[in-house]
Amino acid sequence: MKEKDINIEEEEMTSENSEFSEDPVTPEDQEEQESSEGANTSEDPEEELDPLEKALAENAELKDKWLRSVAEFDNYRKRTIKEKAELILNGSTKAIEAILPAIDDMERALESGEKTEDPQVLREGMELIYNKLLKALEGLGVKAIETKDADFDTDLHEAVAMVPGMGDDKKGKVIDCLQKGYKLNDKVIRHARVAVGQ
């Protein structure tokens, strides 16, 4: 064989090898390619679930949430009923604590009344106790309804007598208060019993 023929054969072989050597594929590359192809062909796990099974799972989850909500509401209802019962039983504690000092003063006044015969001393003692009691009630939100020269108001007053011949300026006005009325935080707890001019 001639030298030229050998060179041509070598060139052809190198050109054939260069075709294969452009993208050399290793076994690791083959595994990655296969795994990526497998990933592309496989479906989502959620899509593989049967729609009925998926609906049953959602139903079970919603049922569990509903049962928990019902239990929580039942506990809340029982707790509020208990708190309301305790409030009814013990709600007057604050009022009683405010009035007790006035009762103590009244007991001391009764004891001292046996030792003295001076009516002025007894009167002063009663006035002090009365003022102390009014102050305690005001601290609880209790206030007397104003009746002096007030217009008659059915929301605040109860007319027990009509006084005729008082003149036009006294018509529809409170003439006299027979029993004081009281409000608790702007709510009437007892109407004032009054005589009204006609």
N, C-alpha and C. Protein backbone atom coordinates (compact mmCIF):
# COMPACT_ATOMS: atom_id res chain seq x y z
N MET A 1 0.84 -1.18 0.00
CA MET A 1 0.00 0.00 0.00
C MET A 1 0.87 1.24 0.00
N LYS A 2 0.39 2.26 -0.67
CA LYS A 2 1.16 3.48 -0.76
C LYS A 2 0.89 4.36 0.44
N GLU A 3 1.79 5.28 0.67
CA GLU A 3 1.73 6.18 1.83
C GLU A 3 0.52 7.10 1.72
N LYS A 4 0.13 7.54 0.53
CA LYS A 4 -1.00 8.41 0.33
C LYS A 4 -2.28 7.71 0.73
N ASP A 5 -2.42 6.42 0.35
CA ASP A 5 -3.64 5.67 0.69
C ASP A 5 -3.79 5.55 2.20
N ILE A 6 -2.73 5.35 2.89
CA ILE A 6 -2.77 5.21 4.35
C ILE A 6 -3.23 6.50 4.98
N ASN A 7 -2.72 7.61 4.50
CA ASN A 7 -3.11 8.91 5.04
C ASN A 7 -4.60 9.18 4.85
N ILE A 8 -5.13 8.79 3.70
CA ILE A 8 -6.56 8.99 3.40
C ILE A 8 -7.41 8.17 4.36
N GLU A 9 -6.99 6.88 4.57
CA GLU A 9 -7.74 6.01 5.48
C GLU A 9 -7.73 6.57 6.90
N GLU A 10 -6.60 7.11 7.35
CA GLU A 10 -6.50 7.69 8.69
C GLU A 10 -7.42 8.91 8.84
N GLU A 11 -7.46 9.74 7.78
CA GLU A 11 -8.31 10.91 7.81
C GLU A 11 -9.79 10.52 7.91
N GLU A 12 -10.16 9.46 7.15
CA GLU A 12 -11.55 9.01 7.20
C GLU A 12 -11.91 8.51 8.60
N MET A 13 -10.98 7.75 9.22
CA MET A 13 -11.23 7.20 10.55
C MET A 13 -11.36 8.31 11.59
N THR A 14 -10.48 9.31 11.48
CA THR A 14 -10.54 10.41 12.45
C THR A 14 -11.83 11.20 12.27
N SER A 15 -12.29 11.35 11.02
CA SER A 15 -13.55 12.06 10.80
C SER A 15 -14.73 11.27 11.35
N GLU A 16 -14.68 9.93 11.21
CA GLU A 16 -15.75 9.09 11.78
C GLU A 16 -15.73 9.18 13.30
N ASN A 17 -14.54 9.12 13.91
CA ASN A 17 -14.42 9.22 15.38
C ASN A 17 -14.87 10.58 15.89
N SER A 18 -14.60 11.63 15.12
CA SER A 18 -14.98 12.97 15.55
C SER A 18 -16.51 13.11 15.61
N GLU A 19 -17.21 12.37 14.72
CA GLU A 19 -18.68 12.39 14.76
C GLU A 19 -19.19 11.84 16.09
N PHE A 20 -18.55 10.76 16.53
CA PHE A 20 -18.97 10.13 17.79
C PHE A 20 -18.45 10.88 19.01
N SER A 21 -17.35 11.57 18.89
CA SER A 21 -16.73 12.21 20.04
C SER A 21 -17.31 13.61 20.31
N GLU A 22 -18.21 14.12 19.44
CA GLU A 22 -18.80 15.44 19.68
C GLU A 22 -19.59 15.47 20.99
N ASP A 23 -20.43 14.43 21.24
CA ASP A 23 -21.22 14.33 22.47
C ASP A 23 -20.92 12.99 23.12
N PRO A 24 -19.85 12.92 23.87
CA PRO A 24 -19.56 11.63 24.49
C PRO A 24 -20.58 11.37 25.61
N VAL A 25 -21.25 10.23 25.58
CA VAL A 25 -22.31 9.88 26.54
C VAL A 25 -21.74 8.89 27.53
N THR A 26 -21.75 9.30 28.80
CA THR A 26 -21.28 8.40 29.86
C THR A 26 -22.48 7.65 30.42
N PRO A 27 -22.24 6.56 31.16
CA PRO A 27 -23.36 5.80 31.75
C PRO A 27 -24.18 6.67 32.73
N GLU A 28 -23.51 7.59 33.44
CA GLU A 28 -24.23 8.47 34.38
C GLU A 28 -25.19 9.38 33.63
N ASP A 29 -24.71 9.92 32.46
CA ASP A 29 -25.58 10.78 31.66
C ASP A 29 -26.79 10.02 31.17
N GLN A 30 -26.59 8.76 30.82
CA GLN A 30 -27.70 7.93 30.34
C GLN A 30 -28.75 7.76 31.44
N GLU A 31 -28.30 7.55 32.70
CA GLU A 31 -29.25 7.37 33.82
C GLU A 31 -30.06 8.64 34.05
N GLU A 32 -29.38 9.81 34.00
CA GLU A 32 -30.08 11.08 34.19
C GLU A 32 -31.12 11.30 33.11
N GLN A 33 -30.73 10.97 31.86
CA GLN A 33 -31.66 11.15 30.74
C GLN A 33 -32.88 10.26 30.90
N GLU A 34 -32.64 9.00 31.33
CA GLU A 34 -33.76 8.07 31.51
C GLU A 34 -34.68 8.53 32.65
N SER A 35 -34.04 9.01 33.74
CA SER A 35 -34.86 9.44 34.88
C SER A 35 -35.70 10.67 34.53
N SER A 36 -35.09 11.62 33.72
CA SER A 36 -35.85 12.81 33.32
C SER A 36 -36.98 12.43 32.38
N GLU A 37 -36.74 11.46 31.51
CA GLU A 37 -37.80 11.00 30.62
C GLU A 37 -38.91 10.34 31.41
N GLY A 38 -38.50 9.55 32.45
CA GLY A 38 -39.49 8.88 33.30
C GLY A 38 -40.31 9.89 34.07
N ALA A 39 -39.65 10.97 34.49
CA ALA A 39 -40.36 12.01 35.26
C ALA A 39 -41.37 12.72 34.38
N ASN A 40 -41.01 12.91 33.11
CA ASN A 40 -41.92 13.59 32.20
C ASN A 40 -43.14 12.74 31.89
N THR A 41 -42.94 11.44 31.81
CA THR A 41 -44.05 10.57 31.44
C THR A 41 -44.95 10.26 32.62
N SER A 42 -44.38 10.28 33.90
CA SER A 42 -45.22 9.94 35.07
C SER A 42 -46.13 11.11 35.41
N GLU A 43 -47.35 10.78 35.93
CA GLU A 43 -48.33 11.80 36.28
C GLU A 43 -48.14 12.21 37.74
N ASP A 44 -48.79 13.33 38.15
CA ASP A 44 -48.78 13.80 39.54
C ASP A 44 -49.44 12.77 40.44
N PRO A 45 -48.95 12.63 41.71
CA PRO A 45 -49.60 11.67 42.60
C PRO A 45 -51.05 12.05 42.88
N GLU A 46 -51.36 13.36 42.90
CA GLU A 46 -52.74 13.79 43.15
C GLU A 46 -53.65 13.37 42.01
N GLU A 47 -53.09 13.44 40.78
CA GLU A 47 -53.89 13.07 39.62
C GLU A 47 -54.14 11.57 39.58
N GLU A 48 -53.22 10.81 40.21
CA GLU A 48 -53.39 9.36 40.22
C GLU A 48 -54.52 8.95 41.16
N LEU A 49 -54.84 9.79 42.20
CA LEU A 49 -55.91 9.45 43.13
C LEU A 49 -57.25 9.42 42.42
N ASP A 50 -58.05 8.46 42.85
CA ASP A 50 -59.40 8.35 42.32
C ASP A 50 -60.21 9.55 42.81
N PRO A 51 -61.02 10.19 41.98
CA PRO A 51 -61.81 11.36 42.44
C PRO A 51 -62.70 11.04 43.63
N LEU A 52 -63.21 9.81 43.69
CA LEU A 52 -64.06 9.41 44.82
C LEU A 52 -63.26 9.37 46.11
N GLU A 53 -62.06 8.81 46.04
CA GLU A 53 -61.20 8.75 47.24
C GLU A 53 -60.82 10.16 47.69
N LYS A 54 -60.54 11.02 46.73
CA LYS A 54 -60.18 12.40 47.05
C LYS A 54 -61.35 13.11 47.74
N ALA A 55 -62.55 12.93 47.22
CA ALA A 55 -63.75 13.54 47.80
C ALA A 55 -64.01 13.00 49.20
N LEU A 56 -63.81 11.68 49.39
CA LEU A 56 -64.02 11.07 50.71
C LEU A 56 -63.02 11.62 51.72
N ALA A 57 -61.77 11.84 51.30
CA ALA A 57 -60.75 12.39 52.19
C ALA A 57 -61.11 13.83 52.59
N GLU A 58 -61.55 14.63 51.62
CA GLU A 58 -61.96 16.01 51.92
C GLU A 58 -63.17 16.02 52.86
N ASN A 59 -64.09 15.09 52.62
CA ASN A 59 -65.29 14.98 53.46
C ASN A 59 -64.91 14.64 54.90
N ALA A 60 -63.97 13.71 55.07
CA ALA A 60 -63.53 13.33 56.42
C ALA A 60 -62.86 14.51 57.13
N GLU A 61 -62.07 15.28 56.38
CA GLU A 61 -61.38 16.44 56.96
C GLU A 61 -62.39 17.51 57.40
N LEU A 62 -63.38 17.78 56.54
CA LEU A 62 -64.41 18.76 56.87
C LEU A 62 -65.26 18.31 58.06
N LYS A 63 -65.55 17.00 58.11
CA LYS A 63 -66.33 16.47 59.23
C LYS A 63 -65.57 16.63 60.54
N ASP A 64 -64.27 16.39 60.50
CA ASP A 64 -63.45 16.54 61.70
C ASP A 64 -63.45 18.00 62.17
N LYS A 65 -63.29 18.94 61.21
CA LYS A 65 -63.31 20.36 61.56
C LYS A 65 -64.66 20.75 62.15
N TRP A 66 -65.74 20.24 61.56
CA TRP A 66 -67.09 20.56 62.04
C TRP A 66 -67.29 20.04 63.45
N LEU A 67 -66.87 18.80 63.73
CA LEU A 67 -67.02 18.22 65.07
C LEU A 67 -66.24 19.03 66.11
N ARG A 68 -65.04 19.47 65.74
CA ARG A 68 -64.24 20.29 66.66
C ARG A 68 -64.94 21.62 66.95
N SER A 69 -65.50 22.25 65.90
CA SER A 69 -66.20 23.53 66.08
C SER A 69 -67.42 23.36 66.98
N VAL A 70 -68.17 22.27 66.78
CA VAL A 70 -69.35 22.01 67.61
C VAL A 70 -68.94 21.82 69.07
N ALA A 71 -67.86 21.07 69.29
CA ALA A 71 -67.38 20.83 70.66
C ALA A 71 -66.93 22.13 71.32
N GLU A 72 -66.20 22.96 70.56
CA GLU A 72 -65.74 24.24 71.11
C GLU A 72 -66.92 25.15 71.46
N PHE A 73 -67.94 25.20 70.57
CA PHE A 73 -69.10 26.03 70.84
C PHE A 73 -69.87 25.52 72.06
N ASP A 74 -69.98 24.20 72.20
CA ASP A 74 -70.68 23.63 73.35
C ASP A 74 -69.96 23.98 74.65
N ASN A 75 -68.64 23.91 74.64
CA ASN A 75 -67.85 24.29 75.82
C ASN A 75 -68.04 25.77 76.15
N TYR A 76 -68.05 26.61 75.09
CA TYR A 76 -68.26 28.05 75.29
C TYR A 76 -69.64 28.31 75.89
N ARG A 77 -70.67 27.62 75.38
CA ARG A 77 -72.04 27.81 75.88
C ARG A 77 -72.14 27.41 77.35
N LYS A 78 -71.56 26.27 77.70
CA LYS A 78 -71.60 25.82 79.10
C LYS A 78 -70.87 26.80 80.02
N ARG A 79 -69.72 27.32 79.53
CA ARG A 79 -68.94 28.25 80.34
C ARG A 79 -69.71 29.55 80.58
N THR A 80 -70.38 30.07 79.53
CA THR A 80 -71.14 31.32 79.69
C THR A 80 -72.35 31.12 80.59
N ILE A 81 -72.99 29.95 80.53
CA ILE A 81 -74.13 29.68 81.43
C ILE A 81 -73.66 29.66 82.88
N LYS A 82 -72.50 29.04 83.10
CA LYS A 82 -71.95 28.98 84.46
C LYS A 82 -71.59 30.37 84.96
N GLU A 83 -70.94 31.18 84.11
CA GLU A 83 -70.56 32.55 84.49
C GLU A 83 -71.79 33.40 84.78
N LYS A 84 -72.85 33.21 83.98
CA LYS A 84 -74.08 33.98 84.19
C LYS A 84 -74.73 33.61 85.52
N ALA A 85 -74.74 32.30 85.84
CA ALA A 85 -75.32 31.86 87.12
C ALA A 85 -74.53 32.42 88.29
N GLU A 86 -73.18 32.43 88.17
CA GLU A 86 -72.34 32.99 89.24
C GLU A 86 -72.58 34.50 89.38
N LEU A 87 -72.78 35.17 88.24
CA LEU A 87 -73.03 36.62 88.28
C LEU A 87 -74.36 36.93 88.97
N ILE A 88 -75.37 36.11 88.70
CA ILE A 88 -76.68 36.32 89.34
C ILE A 88 -76.57 36.10 90.84
N LEU A 89 -75.84 35.05 91.23
CA LEU A 89 -75.71 34.74 92.66
C LEU A 89 -74.85 35.75 93.40
N ASN A 90 -73.76 36.18 92.77
CA ASN A 90 -72.78 37.02 93.47
C ASN A 90 -72.69 38.44 92.93
N GLY A 91 -73.63 38.82 92.04
CA GLY A 91 -73.57 40.14 91.41
C GLY A 91 -73.79 41.29 92.38
N SER A 92 -74.50 41.03 93.47
CA SER A 92 -74.80 42.09 94.43
C SER A 92 -73.69 42.28 95.46
N THR A 93 -72.60 41.53 95.35
CA THR A 93 -71.51 41.62 96.32
C THR A 93 -70.97 43.04 96.44
N LYS A 94 -70.75 43.68 95.29
CA LYS A 94 -70.18 45.03 95.29
C LYS A 94 -71.11 46.01 96.00
N ALA A 95 -72.42 45.90 95.74
CA ALA A 95 -73.39 46.80 96.36
C ALA A 95 -73.43 46.59 97.88
N ILE A 96 -73.41 45.35 98.29
CA ILE A 96 -73.47 45.05 99.73
C ILE A 96 -72.22 45.57 100.44
N GLU A 97 -71.06 45.39 99.81
CA GLU A 97 -69.80 45.88 100.40
C GLU A 97 -69.83 47.40 100.56
N ALA A 98 -70.48 48.10 99.62
CA ALA A 98 -70.56 49.56 99.70
C ALA A 98 -71.51 50.02 100.81
N ILE A 99 -72.55 49.23 101.07
CA ILE A 99 -73.56 49.62 102.06
C ILE A 99 -73.18 49.22 103.49
N LEU A 100 -72.37 48.19 103.64
CA LEU A 100 -72.02 47.69 104.98
C LEU A 100 -71.45 48.76 105.92
N PRO A 101 -70.55 49.65 105.45
CA PRO A 101 -70.05 50.69 106.37
C PRO A 101 -71.17 51.58 106.94
N ALA A 102 -72.19 51.88 106.12
CA ALA A 102 -73.32 52.69 106.61
C ALA A 102 -74.11 51.93 107.67
N ILE A 103 -74.23 50.63 107.50
CA ILE A 103 -74.93 49.81 108.51
C ILE A 103 -74.14 49.80 109.81
N ASP A 104 -72.81 49.70 109.68
CA ASP A 104 -71.95 49.75 110.89
C ASP A 104 -72.17 51.08 111.63
N ASP A 105 -72.22 52.18 110.87
CA ASP A 105 -72.45 53.49 111.48
C ASP A 105 -73.82 53.55 112.15
N MET A 106 -74.81 52.95 111.52
CA MET A 106 -76.16 52.93 112.09
C MET A 106 -76.19 52.17 113.42
N GLU A 107 -75.48 51.06 113.48
CA GLU A 107 -75.41 50.28 114.73
C GLU A 107 -74.75 51.09 115.84
N ARG A 108 -73.67 51.81 115.49
CA ARG A 108 -72.99 52.64 116.49
C ARG A 108 -73.90 53.79 116.96
N ALA A 109 -74.68 54.34 116.02
CA ALA A 109 -75.61 55.43 116.37
C ALA A 109 -76.70 54.92 117.32
N LEU A 110 -77.18 53.71 117.07
CA LEU A 110 -78.21 53.13 117.96
C LEU A 110 -77.65 52.91 119.37
N GLU A 111 -76.39 52.45 119.42
CA GLU A 111 -75.76 52.24 120.74
C GLU A 111 -75.59 53.56 121.49
N SER A 112 -75.11 54.58 120.75
CA SER A 112 -74.90 55.88 121.40
C SER A 112 -76.24 56.56 121.72
N GLY A 113 -77.30 56.24 120.98
CA GLY A 113 -78.62 56.82 121.24
C GLY A 113 -79.18 56.40 122.59
N GLU A 114 -78.76 55.24 123.05
CA GLU A 114 -79.22 54.78 124.37
C GLU A 114 -78.55 55.58 125.49
N LYS A 115 -77.38 56.15 125.20
CA LYS A 115 -76.62 56.87 126.23
C LYS A 115 -76.98 58.36 126.29
N THR A 116 -77.57 58.89 125.21
CA THR A 116 -77.90 60.33 125.19
C THR A 116 -79.38 60.54 124.91
N GLU A 117 -79.86 61.65 125.42
CA GLU A 117 -81.26 62.00 125.15
C GLU A 117 -81.37 63.27 124.31
N ASP A 118 -80.24 63.75 123.84
CA ASP A 118 -80.23 64.98 123.04
C ASP A 118 -80.66 64.63 121.60
N PRO A 119 -81.82 65.13 121.15
CA PRO A 119 -82.29 64.81 119.80
C PRO A 119 -81.40 65.40 118.69
N GLN A 120 -80.72 66.49 119.00
CA GLN A 120 -79.85 67.12 117.99
C GLN A 120 -78.67 66.21 117.66
N VAL A 121 -78.11 65.56 118.66
CA VAL A 121 -76.98 64.64 118.43
C VAL A 121 -77.44 63.47 117.55
N LEU A 122 -78.62 62.94 117.85
CA LEU A 122 -79.16 61.82 117.06
C LEU A 122 -79.43 62.26 115.62
N ARG A 123 -79.94 63.46 115.48
CA ARG A 123 -80.23 63.98 114.13
C ARG A 123 -78.94 64.12 113.31
N GLU A 124 -77.93 64.68 113.92
CA GLU A 124 -76.64 64.83 113.22
C GLU A 124 -76.07 63.47 112.82
N GLY A 125 -76.16 62.53 113.73
CA GLY A 125 -75.67 61.18 113.42
C GLY A 125 -76.42 60.55 112.25
N MET A 126 -77.76 60.72 112.24
CA MET A 126 -78.59 60.18 111.14
C MET A 126 -78.24 60.86 109.82
N GLU A 127 -77.99 62.16 109.85
CA GLU A 127 -77.63 62.88 108.62
C GLU A 127 -76.29 62.39 108.07
N LEU A 128 -75.34 62.17 108.96
CA LEU A 128 -74.03 61.65 108.53
C LEU A 128 -74.16 60.29 107.87
N ILE A 129 -74.98 59.43 108.49
CA ILE A 129 -75.18 58.08 107.93
C ILE A 129 -75.90 58.16 106.59
N TYR A 130 -76.92 59.03 106.53
CA TYR A 130 -77.68 59.20 105.28
C TYR A 130 -76.76 59.67 104.15
N ASN A 131 -75.93 60.66 104.42
CA ASN A 131 -75.01 61.19 103.39
C ASN A 131 -73.98 60.14 102.97
N LYS A 132 -73.54 59.36 103.94
CA LYS A 132 -72.57 58.29 103.63
C LYS A 132 -73.21 57.23 102.74
N LEU A 133 -74.46 56.90 103.03
CA LEU A 133 -75.19 55.92 102.23
C LEU A 133 -75.44 56.42 100.81
N LEU A 134 -75.80 57.69 100.69
CA LEU A 134 -76.01 58.28 99.35
C LEU A 134 -74.72 58.27 98.53
N LYS A 135 -73.61 58.58 99.20
CA LYS A 135 -72.30 58.58 98.52
C LYS A 135 -71.93 57.18 98.03
N ALA A 136 -72.23 56.19 98.87
CA ALA A 136 -71.96 54.80 98.49
C ALA A 136 -72.79 54.40 97.28
N LEU A 137 -74.06 54.81 97.26
CA LEU A 137 -74.94 54.49 96.13
C LEU A 137 -74.49 55.21 94.86
N GLU A 138 -74.04 56.45 95.01
CA GLU A 138 -73.54 57.19 93.85
C GLU A 138 -72.31 56.50 93.26
N GLY A 139 -71.49 55.93 94.15
CA GLY A 139 -70.32 55.18 93.68
C GLY A 139 -70.71 53.95 92.88
N LEU A 140 -71.91 53.43 93.11
CA LEU A 140 -72.42 52.27 92.36
C LEU A 140 -73.20 52.69 91.11
N GLY A 141 -73.33 54.01 90.90
CA GLY A 141 -74.03 54.50 89.71
C GLY A 141 -75.49 54.84 89.96
N VAL A 142 -75.92 54.89 91.23
CA VAL A 142 -77.31 55.21 91.57
C VAL A 142 -77.43 56.70 91.82
N LYS A 143 -78.42 57.32 91.16
CA LYS A 143 -78.66 58.77 91.35
C LYS A 143 -80.16 59.00 91.51
N ALA A 144 -80.49 60.01 92.32
CA ALA A 144 -81.90 60.38 92.51
C ALA A 144 -82.40 61.13 91.29
N ILE A 145 -83.67 60.91 90.94
CA ILE A 145 -84.30 61.63 89.82
C ILE A 145 -84.71 63.02 90.30
N GLU A 146 -84.31 64.02 89.54
CA GLU A 146 -84.62 65.41 89.90
C GLU A 146 -86.10 65.69 89.65
N THR A 147 -86.77 66.24 90.67
CA THR A 147 -88.21 66.54 90.54
C THR A 147 -88.55 68.00 90.78
N LYS A 148 -87.69 68.75 91.42
CA LYS A 148 -88.02 70.14 91.78
C LYS A 148 -88.15 71.00 90.53
N ASP A 149 -89.35 71.60 90.35
CA ASP A 149 -89.67 72.46 89.20
C ASP A 149 -89.41 71.78 87.85
N ALA A 150 -89.54 70.46 87.82
CA ALA A 150 -89.29 69.71 86.58
C ALA A 150 -90.58 69.53 85.81
N ASP A 151 -90.47 69.44 84.49
CA ASP A 151 -91.63 69.10 83.66
C ASP A 151 -91.97 67.63 83.90
N PHE A 152 -93.27 67.34 83.91
CA PHE A 152 -93.68 65.95 84.12
C PHE A 152 -93.24 65.10 82.93
N ASP A 153 -92.54 64.01 83.22
CA ASP A 153 -92.00 63.12 82.19
C ASP A 153 -92.38 61.69 82.57
N THR A 154 -93.17 61.05 81.72
CA THR A 154 -93.64 59.69 82.05
C THR A 154 -92.50 58.68 82.11
N ASP A 155 -91.37 59.01 81.49
CA ASP A 155 -90.21 58.10 81.55
C ASP A 155 -89.55 58.13 82.93
N LEU A 156 -89.74 59.25 83.66
CA LEU A 156 -89.07 59.42 84.95
C LEU A 156 -90.05 59.49 86.13
N HIS A 157 -91.26 59.99 85.86
CA HIS A 157 -92.20 60.24 86.95
C HIS A 157 -93.45 59.38 86.84
N GLU A 158 -94.06 59.17 88.00
CA GLU A 158 -95.36 58.49 88.07
C GLU A 158 -96.32 59.44 88.78
N ALA A 159 -97.36 59.87 88.06
CA ALA A 159 -98.31 60.83 88.63
C ALA A 159 -99.29 60.09 89.54
N VAL A 160 -99.30 60.48 90.80
CA VAL A 160 -100.24 59.86 91.75
C VAL A 160 -101.34 60.84 92.16
N ALA A 161 -101.17 62.11 91.80
CA ALA A 161 -102.19 63.12 92.11
C ALA A 161 -102.11 64.26 91.11
N MET A 162 -103.28 64.83 90.79
CA MET A 162 -103.35 66.00 89.92
C MET A 162 -103.83 67.17 90.78
N VAL A 163 -103.11 68.28 90.73
CA VAL A 163 -103.43 69.45 91.56
C VAL A 163 -104.02 70.54 90.67
N PRO A 164 -105.35 70.81 90.79
CA PRO A 164 -105.96 71.84 89.93
C PRO A 164 -105.74 73.25 90.49
N GLY A 165 -105.94 74.23 89.62
CA GLY A 165 -105.90 75.63 90.01
C GLY A 165 -104.53 76.14 90.40
N MET A 166 -103.48 75.63 89.80
CA MET A 166 -102.12 76.08 90.13
C MET A 166 -101.62 77.14 89.16
N GLY A 167 -102.44 77.47 88.17
CA GLY A 167 -102.02 78.48 87.19
C GLY A 167 -101.37 77.85 85.97
N ASP A 168 -101.30 78.65 84.91
CA ASP A 168 -100.76 78.13 83.64
C ASP A 168 -99.27 77.80 83.72
N ASP A 169 -98.56 78.57 84.55
CA ASP A 169 -97.10 78.34 84.63
C ASP A 169 -96.78 77.01 85.35
N LYS A 170 -97.74 76.47 86.12
CA LYS A 170 -97.51 75.21 86.83
C LYS A 170 -98.17 74.02 86.14
N LYS A 171 -98.83 74.29 85.02
CA LYS A 171 -99.53 73.22 84.30
C LYS A 171 -98.50 72.26 83.68
N GLY A 172 -98.67 70.98 83.99
CA GLY A 172 -97.74 69.96 83.46
C GLY A 172 -96.42 69.91 84.19
N LYS A 173 -96.32 70.62 85.32
CA LYS A 173 -95.08 70.64 86.12
C LYS A 173 -95.26 69.78 87.36
N VAL A 174 -94.15 69.32 87.90
CA VAL A 174 -94.18 68.56 89.15
C VAL A 174 -94.35 69.55 90.30
N ILE A 175 -95.42 69.36 91.07
CA ILE A 175 -95.72 70.25 92.20
C ILE A 175 -95.05 69.73 93.47
N ASP A 176 -95.14 68.42 93.67
CA ASP A 176 -94.60 67.84 94.91
C ASP A 176 -94.12 66.42 94.62
N CYS A 177 -93.06 66.02 95.32
CA CYS A 177 -92.54 64.65 95.19
C CYS A 177 -92.95 63.87 96.44
N LEU A 178 -93.73 62.81 96.24
CA LEU A 178 -94.20 62.00 97.36
C LEU A 178 -93.24 60.85 97.67
N GLN A 179 -92.53 60.41 96.66
CA GLN A 179 -91.51 59.36 96.86
C GLN A 179 -90.43 59.53 95.81
N LYS A 180 -89.19 59.57 96.28
CA LYS A 180 -88.06 59.78 95.35
C LYS A 180 -87.91 58.61 94.38
N GLY A 181 -87.50 58.97 93.19
CA GLY A 181 -87.18 57.94 92.19
C GLY A 181 -85.67 57.89 91.98
N TYR A 182 -85.20 56.74 91.45
CA TYR A 182 -83.75 56.56 91.28
C TYR A 182 -83.43 55.94 89.93
N LYS A 183 -82.25 56.32 89.44
CA LYS A 183 -81.72 55.76 88.19
C LYS A 183 -80.41 55.04 88.50
N LEU A 184 -80.20 53.95 87.81
CA LEU A 184 -78.94 53.22 87.89
C LEU A 184 -78.28 53.28 86.53
N ASN A 185 -77.20 54.06 86.43
CA ASN A 185 -76.49 54.25 85.14
C ASN A 185 -77.46 54.66 84.03
N ASP A 186 -78.26 55.69 84.31
CA ASP A 186 -79.24 56.26 83.36
C ASP A 186 -80.41 55.35 83.06
N LYS A 187 -80.56 54.24 83.79
CA LYS A 187 -81.74 53.38 83.65
C LYS A 187 -82.60 53.57 84.89
N VAL A 188 -83.88 53.87 84.67
CA VAL A 188 -84.78 54.11 85.80
C VAL A 188 -85.05 52.79 86.52
N ILE A 189 -84.71 52.76 87.82
CA ILE A 189 -85.00 51.55 88.60
C ILE A 189 -86.22 51.75 89.51
N ARG A 190 -86.57 53.04 89.73
CA ARG A 190 -87.81 53.36 90.43
C ARG A 190 -88.26 54.76 90.01
N HIS A 191 -89.51 54.83 89.50
CA HIS A 191 -90.05 56.12 89.08
C HIS A 191 -90.35 56.98 90.31
N ALA A 192 -90.18 58.29 90.14
CA ALA A 192 -90.52 59.22 91.22
C ALA A 192 -92.04 59.38 91.26
N ARG A 193 -92.63 59.22 92.42
CA ARG A 193 -94.09 59.39 92.58
C ARG A 193 -94.36 60.87 92.90
N VAL A 194 -95.09 61.51 92.01
CA VAL A 194 -95.23 62.98 92.10
C VAL A 194 -96.69 63.42 91.96
N ALA A 195 -96.91 64.67 92.42
CA ALA A 195 -98.19 65.35 92.17
C ALA A 195 -97.92 66.36 91.06
N VAL A 196 -98.86 66.41 90.09
CA VAL A 196 -98.65 67.23 88.88
C VAL A 196 -99.71 68.31 88.83
N GLY A 197 -99.31 69.52 88.43
CA GLY A 197 -100.24 70.65 88.29
C GLY A 197 -101.12 70.50 87.06
N GLN A 198 -102.40 70.89 87.21
CA GLN A 198 -103.37 70.79 86.11
C GLN A 198 -103.62 72.11 85.46
